[in-house]
Amino acid sequence: MKKICILLSIIPFIGSLTVINKVEPYVLGMPFVMFWATLWLVLSAIGMGISNLLYPIEEDGEES
């Protein structure tokens, strides 16, 4: 499962090289580049929260 999460984290970087190399389209009043960065900031935080719920750290300090 960790490998899948790592592979999913690569998507924004691949997309940033190919898709968002534009300023003109505006989304929610922001240039597309700024929207893309904000979107992935929020999605990363949500993903980390879900990951924390699925794989909590044990009380003795060791990860499972």
PDB file of N, CA and C in Angstrom:
ATOM      1  N   MET A   1       0.822  -1.198   0.000  1.00  0.00           N
ATOM      2  CA  MET A   1       0.000   0.000   0.000  1.00  0.00           C
ATOM      3  C   MET A   1       0.866   1.261   0.000  1.00  0.00           C
ATOM      4  N   LYS A   2       2.017   1.193   0.683  1.00  0.00           N
ATOM      5  CA  LYS A   2       2.906   2.355   0.703  1.00  0.00           C
ATOM      6  C   LYS A   2       3.421   2.679  -0.693  1.00  0.00           C
ATOM      7  N   LYS A   3       3.707   1.649  -1.474  1.00  0.00           N
ATOM      8  CA  LYS A   3       4.216   1.876  -2.831  1.00  0.00           C
ATOM      9  C   LYS A   3       3.166   2.564  -3.700  1.00  0.00           C
ATOM     10  N   ILE A   4       1.905   2.200  -3.516  1.00  0.00           N
ATOM     11  CA  ILE A   4       0.834   2.838  -4.277  1.00  0.00           C
ATOM     12  C   ILE A   4       0.730   4.309  -3.894  1.00  0.00           C
ATOM     13  N   CYS A   5       0.823   4.601  -2.607  1.00  0.00           N
ATOM     14  CA  CYS A   5       0.759   6.000  -2.151  1.00  0.00           C
ATOM     15  C   CYS A   5       1.922   6.811  -2.707  1.00  0.00           C
ATOM     16  N   ILE A   6       3.089   6.214  -2.754  1.00  0.00           N
ATOM     17  CA  ILE A   6       4.255   6.910  -3.296  1.00  0.00           C
ATOM     18  C   ILE A   6       4.064   7.168  -4.791  1.00  0.00           C
ATOM     19  N   LEU A   7       3.568   6.189  -5.514  1.00  0.00           N
ATOM     20  CA  LEU A   7       3.335   6.371  -6.939  1.00  0.00           C
ATOM     21  C   LEU A   7       2.267   7.432  -7.201  1.00  0.00           C
ATOM     22  N   LEU A   8       1.231   7.483  -6.367  1.00  0.00           N
ATOM     23  CA  LEU A   8       0.196   8.500  -6.529  1.00  0.00           C
ATOM     24  C   LEU A   8       0.720   9.896  -6.253  1.00  0.00           C
ATOM     25  N   SER A   9       1.737   9.999  -5.432  1.00  0.00           N
ATOM     26  CA  SER A   9       2.283  11.321  -5.124  1.00  0.00           C
ATOM     27  C   SER A   9       3.093  11.899  -6.291  1.00  0.00           C
ATOM     28  N   ILE A  10       3.401  11.087  -7.275  1.00  0.00           N
ATOM     29  CA  ILE A  10       4.161  11.545  -8.435  1.00  0.00           C
ATOM     30  C   ILE A  10       3.259  12.239  -9.451  1.00  0.00           C
ATOM     31  N   ILE A  11       1.955  11.976  -9.404  1.00  0.00           N
ATOM     32  CA  ILE A  11       1.016  12.517 -10.393  1.00  0.00           C
ATOM     33  C   ILE A  11       1.094  14.035 -10.539  1.00  0.00           C
ATOM     34  N   PRO A  12       1.120  14.818  -9.447  1.00  0.00           N
ATOM     35  CA  PRO A  12       1.154  16.274  -9.653  1.00  0.00           C
ATOM     36  C   PRO A  12       2.392  16.749 -10.407  1.00  0.00           C
ATOM     37  N   PHE A  13       3.512  16.064 -10.217  1.00  0.00           N
ATOM     38  CA  PHE A  13       4.740  16.487 -10.893  1.00  0.00           C
ATOM     39  C   PHE A  13       4.691  16.167 -12.377  1.00  0.00           C
ATOM     40  N   ILE A  14       4.140  15.011 -12.729  1.00  0.00           N
ATOM     41  CA  ILE A  14       3.996  14.667 -14.139  1.00  0.00           C
ATOM     42  C   ILE A  14       3.022  15.632 -14.804  1.00  0.00           C
ATOM     43  N   GLY A  15       1.920  15.912 -14.126  1.00  0.00           N
ATOM     44  CA  GLY A  15       0.935  16.836 -14.675  1.00  0.00           C
ATOM     45  C   GLY A  15       1.478  18.237 -14.810  1.00  0.00           C
ATOM     46  N   SER A  16       2.313  18.630 -13.876  1.00  0.00           N
ATOM     47  CA  SER A  16       2.833  19.994 -13.935  1.00  0.00           C
ATOM     48  C   SER A  16       3.762  20.183 -15.129  1.00  0.00           C
ATOM     49  N   LEU A  17       4.398  19.125 -15.559  1.00  0.00           N
ATOM     50  CA  LEU A  17       5.285  19.248 -16.721  1.00  0.00           C
ATOM     51  C   LEU A  17       4.515  19.295 -18.026  1.00  0.00           C
ATOM     52  N   THR A  18       3.373  18.648 -18.079  1.00  0.00           N
ATOM     53  CA  THR A  18       2.677  18.508 -19.352  1.00  0.00           C
ATOM     54  C   THR A  18       1.410  19.343 -19.471  1.00  0.00           C
ATOM     55  N   VAL A  19       0.680  19.508 -18.394  1.00  0.00           N
ATOM     56  CA  VAL A  19      -0.665  20.081 -18.473  1.00  0.00           C
ATOM     57  C   VAL A  19      -0.702  21.553 -18.107  1.00  0.00           C
ATOM     58  N   ILE A  20      -0.037  21.948 -17.041  1.00  0.00           N
ATOM     59  CA  ILE A  20      -0.276  23.276 -16.488  1.00  0.00           C
ATOM     60  C   ILE A  20       0.683  24.337 -16.990  1.00  0.00           C
ATOM     61  N   ASN A  21       1.308  24.093 -18.081  1.00  0.00           N
ATOM     62  CA  ASN A  21       2.252  25.064 -18.601  1.00  0.00           C
ATOM     63  C   ASN A  21       1.513  26.210 -19.289  1.00  0.00           C
ATOM     64  N   LYS A  22       0.475  26.745 -18.611  1.00  0.00           N
ATOM     65  CA  LYS A  22      -0.346  27.823 -19.142  1.00  0.00           C
ATOM     66  C   LYS A  22      -0.730  28.759 -18.003  1.00  0.00           C
ATOM     67  N   VAL A  23      -1.018  29.998 -18.332  1.00  0.00           N
ATOM     68  CA  VAL A  23      -1.507  30.952 -17.348  1.00  0.00           C
ATOM     69  C   VAL A  23      -2.932  31.356 -17.676  1.00  0.00           C
ATOM     70  N   GLU A  24      -3.292  31.328 -18.933  1.00  0.00           N
ATOM     71  CA  GLU A  24      -4.531  31.955 -19.403  1.00  0.00           C
ATOM     72  C   GLU A  24      -5.819  31.401 -18.799  1.00  0.00           C
ATOM     73  N   PRO A  25      -6.085  30.094 -18.773  1.00  0.00           N
ATOM     74  CA  PRO A  25      -7.371  29.692 -18.195  1.00  0.00           C
ATOM     75  C   PRO A  25      -7.400  30.000 -16.703  1.00  0.00           C
ATOM     76  N   TYR A  26      -8.498  30.613 -16.263  1.00  0.00           N
ATOM     77  CA  TYR A  26      -8.660  30.943 -14.856  1.00  0.00           C
ATOM     78  C   TYR A  26      -9.664  29.983 -14.233  1.00  0.00           C
ATOM     79  N   VAL A  27      -9.327  29.471 -13.056  1.00  0.00           N
ATOM     80  CA  VAL A  27     -10.205  28.579 -12.317  1.00  0.00           C
ATOM     81  C   VAL A  27     -10.401  29.176 -10.935  1.00  0.00           C
ATOM     82  N   LEU A  28     -11.653  29.409 -10.571  1.00  0.00           N
ATOM     83  CA  LEU A  28     -11.993  30.022  -9.279  1.00  0.00           C
ATOM     84  C   LEU A  28     -11.292  31.365  -9.094  1.00  0.00           C
ATOM     85  N   GLY A  29     -11.099  32.084 -10.174  1.00  0.00           N
ATOM     86  CA  GLY A  29     -10.487  33.404 -10.119  1.00  0.00           C
ATOM     87  C   GLY A  29      -8.977  33.408 -10.028  1.00  0.00           C
ATOM     88  N   MET A  30      -8.362  32.232 -10.085  1.00  0.00           N
ATOM     89  CA  MET A  30      -6.898  32.125 -10.008  1.00  0.00           C
ATOM     90  C   MET A  30      -6.356  31.670 -11.350  1.00  0.00           C
ATOM     91  N   PRO A  31      -5.144  32.103 -11.694  1.00  0.00           N
ATOM     92  CA  PRO A  31      -4.502  31.513 -12.877  1.00  0.00           C
ATOM     93  C   PRO A  31      -4.352  30.004 -12.674  1.00  0.00           C
ATOM     94  N   PHE A  32      -4.348  29.273 -13.761  1.00  0.00           N
ATOM     95  CA  PHE A  32      -4.355  27.811 -13.656  1.00  0.00           C
ATOM     96  C   PHE A  32      -3.168  27.269 -12.881  1.00  0.00           C
ATOM     97  N   VAL A  33      -2.014  27.887 -13.015  1.00  0.00           N
ATOM     98  CA  VAL A  33      -0.821  27.420 -12.293  1.00  0.00           C
ATOM     99  C   VAL A  33      -1.032  27.517 -10.780  1.00  0.00           C
ATOM    100  N   MET A  34      -1.604  28.632 -10.335  1.00  0.00           N
ATOM    101  CA  MET A  34      -1.850  28.807  -8.907  1.00  0.00           C
ATOM    102  C   MET A  34      -2.936  27.844  -8.418  1.00  0.00           C
ATOM    103  N   PHE A  35      -3.965  27.645  -9.251  1.00  0.00           N
ATOM    104  CA  PHE A  35      -5.012  26.689  -8.896  1.00  0.00           C
ATOM    105  C   PHE A  35      -4.436  25.289  -8.752  1.00  0.00           C
ATOM    106  N   TRP A  36      -3.557  24.890  -9.663  1.00  0.00           N
ATOM    107  CA  TRP A  36      -2.954  23.560  -9.636  1.00  0.00           C
ATOM    108  C   TRP A  36      -2.155  23.357  -8.345  1.00  0.00           C
ATOM    109  N   ALA A  37      -1.363  24.341  -7.970  1.00  0.00           N
ATOM    110  CA  ALA A  37      -0.557  24.242  -6.754  1.00  0.00           C
ATOM    111  C   ALA A  37      -1.455  24.179  -5.517  1.00  0.00           C
ATOM    112  N   THR A  38      -2.495  24.997  -5.486  1.00  0.00           N
ATOM    113  CA  THR A  38      -3.416  24.999  -4.356  1.00  0.00           C
ATOM    114  C   THR A  38      -4.184  23.686  -4.267  1.00  0.00           C
ATOM    115  N   LEU A  39      -4.626  23.192  -5.405  1.00  0.00           N
ATOM    116  CA  LEU A  39      -5.352  21.930  -5.443  1.00  0.00           C
ATOM    117  C   LEU A  39      -4.519  20.802  -4.850  1.00  0.00           C
ATOM    118  N   TRP A  40      -3.255  20.695  -5.257  1.00  0.00           N
ATOM    119  CA  TRP A  40      -2.429  19.606  -4.774  1.00  0.00           C
ATOM    120  C   TRP A  40      -2.002  19.805  -3.324  1.00  0.00           C
ATOM    121  N   LEU A  41      -1.937  21.031  -2.873  1.00  0.00           N
ATOM    122  CA  LEU A  41      -1.671  21.284  -1.459  1.00  0.00           C
ATOM    123  C   LEU A  41      -2.807  20.735  -0.616  1.00  0.00           C
ATOM    124  N   VAL A  42      -4.033  21.020  -1.019  1.00  0.00           N
ATOM    125  CA  VAL A  42      -5.207  20.536  -0.287  1.00  0.00           C
ATOM    126  C   VAL A  42      -5.329  19.018  -0.397  1.00  0.00           C
ATOM    127  N   LEU A  43      -5.157  18.465  -1.599  1.00  0.00           N
ATOM    128  CA  LEU A  43      -5.261  17.019  -1.771  1.00  0.00           C
ATOM    129  C   LEU A  43      -4.176  16.267  -1.012  1.00  0.00           C
ATOM    130  N   SER A  44      -2.991  16.821  -0.926  1.00  0.00           N
ATOM    131  CA  SER A  44      -1.911  16.184  -0.159  1.00  0.00           C
ATOM    132  C   SER A  44      -2.247  16.157   1.329  1.00  0.00           C
ATOM    133  N   ALA A  45      -2.796  17.245   1.835  1.00  0.00           N
ATOM    134  CA  ALA A  45      -3.181  17.289   3.247  1.00  0.00           C
ATOM    135  C   ALA A  45      -4.280  16.276   3.545  1.00  0.00           C
ATOM    136  N   ILE A  46      -5.257  16.177   2.651  1.00  0.00           N
ATOM    137  CA  ILE A  46      -6.328  15.194   2.836  1.00  0.00           C
ATOM    138  C   ILE A  46      -5.763  13.778   2.786  1.00  0.00           C
ATOM    139  N   GLY A  47      -4.882  13.517   1.836  1.00  0.00           N
ATOM    140  CA  GLY A  47      -4.260  12.196   1.727  1.00  0.00           C
ATOM    141  C   GLY A  47      -3.444  11.837   2.951  1.00  0.00           C
ATOM    142  N   MET A  48      -2.723  12.795   3.490  1.00  0.00           N
ATOM    143  CA  MET A  48      -1.938  12.524   4.692  1.00  0.00           C
ATOM    144  C   MET A  48      -2.851  12.263   5.889  1.00  0.00           C
ATOM    145  N   GLY A  49      -3.977  12.967   5.967  1.00  0.00           N
ATOM    146  CA  GLY A  49      -4.940  12.718   7.037  1.00  0.00           C
ATOM    147  C   GLY A  49      -5.537  11.326   6.949  1.00  0.00           C
ATOM    148  N   ILE A  50      -5.892  10.915   5.732  1.00  0.00           N
ATOM    149  CA  ILE A  50      -6.423   9.561   5.541  1.00  0.00           C
ATOM    150  C   ILE A  50      -5.365   8.521   5.867  1.00  0.00           C
ATOM    151  N   SER A  51      -4.153   8.768   5.438  1.00  0.00           N
ATOM    152  CA  SER A  51      -3.049   7.857   5.742  1.00  0.00           C
ATOM    153  C   SER A  51      -2.827   7.725   7.240  1.00  0.00           C
ATOM    154  N   ASN A  52      -2.948   8.841   7.947  1.00  0.00           N
ATOM    155  CA  ASN A  52      -2.781   8.824   9.394  1.00  0.00           C
ATOM    156  C   ASN A  52      -3.885   8.014  10.062  1.00  0.00           C
ATOM    157  N   LEU A  53      -5.107   8.087   9.534  1.00  0.00           N
ATOM    158  CA  LEU A  53      -6.198   7.300  10.091  1.00  0.00           C
ATOM    159  C   LEU A  53      -6.036   5.812   9.802  1.00  0.00           C
ATOM    160  N   LEU A  54      -5.538   5.483   8.609  1.00  0.00           N
ATOM    161  CA  LEU A  54      -5.387   4.081   8.234  1.00  0.00           C
ATOM    162  C   LEU A  54      -4.182   3.418   8.891  1.00  0.00           C
ATOM    163  N   TYR A  55      -3.112   4.168   9.061  1.00  0.00           N
ATOM    164  CA  TYR A  55      -1.870   3.616   9.608  1.00  0.00           C
ATOM    165  C   TYR A  55      -1.389   4.450  10.791  1.00  0.00           C
ATOM    166  N   PRO A  56      -2.062   4.356  11.924  1.00  0.00           N
ATOM    167  CA  PRO A  56      -1.619   5.168  13.074  1.00  0.00           C
ATOM    168  C   PRO A  56      -0.295   4.650  13.638  1.00  0.00           C
ATOM    169  N   ILE A  57       0.456   5.551  14.261  1.00  0.00           N
ATOM    170  CA  ILE A  57       1.716   5.172  14.889  1.00  0.00           C
ATOM    171  C   ILE A  57       1.397   4.492  16.212  1.00  0.00           C
ATOM    172  N   GLU A  58       2.076   3.394  16.477  1.00  0.00           N
ATOM    173  CA  GLU A  58       1.835   2.667  17.726  1.00  0.00           C
ATOM    174  C   GLU A  58       2.368   3.471  18.905  1.00  0.00           C
ATOM    175  N   GLU A  59       1.870   3.151  20.082  1.00  0.00           N
ATOM    176  CA  GLU A  59       2.209   3.937  21.271  1.00  0.00           C
ATOM    177  C   GLU A  59       3.680   3.834  21.672  1.00  0.00           C
ATOM    178  N   ASP A  60       4.352   2.747  21.334  1.00  0.00           N
ATOM    179  CA  ASP A  60       5.756   2.620  21.713  1.00  0.00           C
ATOM    180  C   ASP A  60       6.674   3.389  20.765  1.00  0.00           C
ATOM    181  N   GLY A  61       6.098   4.063  19.788  1.00  0.00           N
ATOM    182  CA  GLY A  61       6.876   4.923  18.899  1.00  0.00           C
ATOM    183  C   GLY A  61       7.315   4.268  17.614  1.00  0.00           C
ATOM    184  N   GLU A  62       7.089   2.980  17.448  1.00  0.00           N
ATOM    185  CA  GLU A  62       7.479   2.297  16.230  1.00  0.00           C
ATOM    186  C   GLU A  62       6.324   2.284  15.254  1.00  0.00           C
ATOM    187  N   GLU A  63       6.648   2.501  13.986  1.00  0.00           N
ATOM    188  CA  GLU A  63       5.614   2.428  12.969  1.00  0.00           C
ATOM    189  C   GLU A  63       5.390   0.986  12.596  1.00  0.00           C
ATOM    190  N   SER A  64       4.158   0.674  12.189  1.00  0.00           N
ATOM    191  CA  SER A  64       3.857  -0.712  11.796  1.00  0.00           C
ATOM    192  C   SER A  64       4.083  -0.926  10.326  1.00  0.00           C
TER     193      SER A  64
END
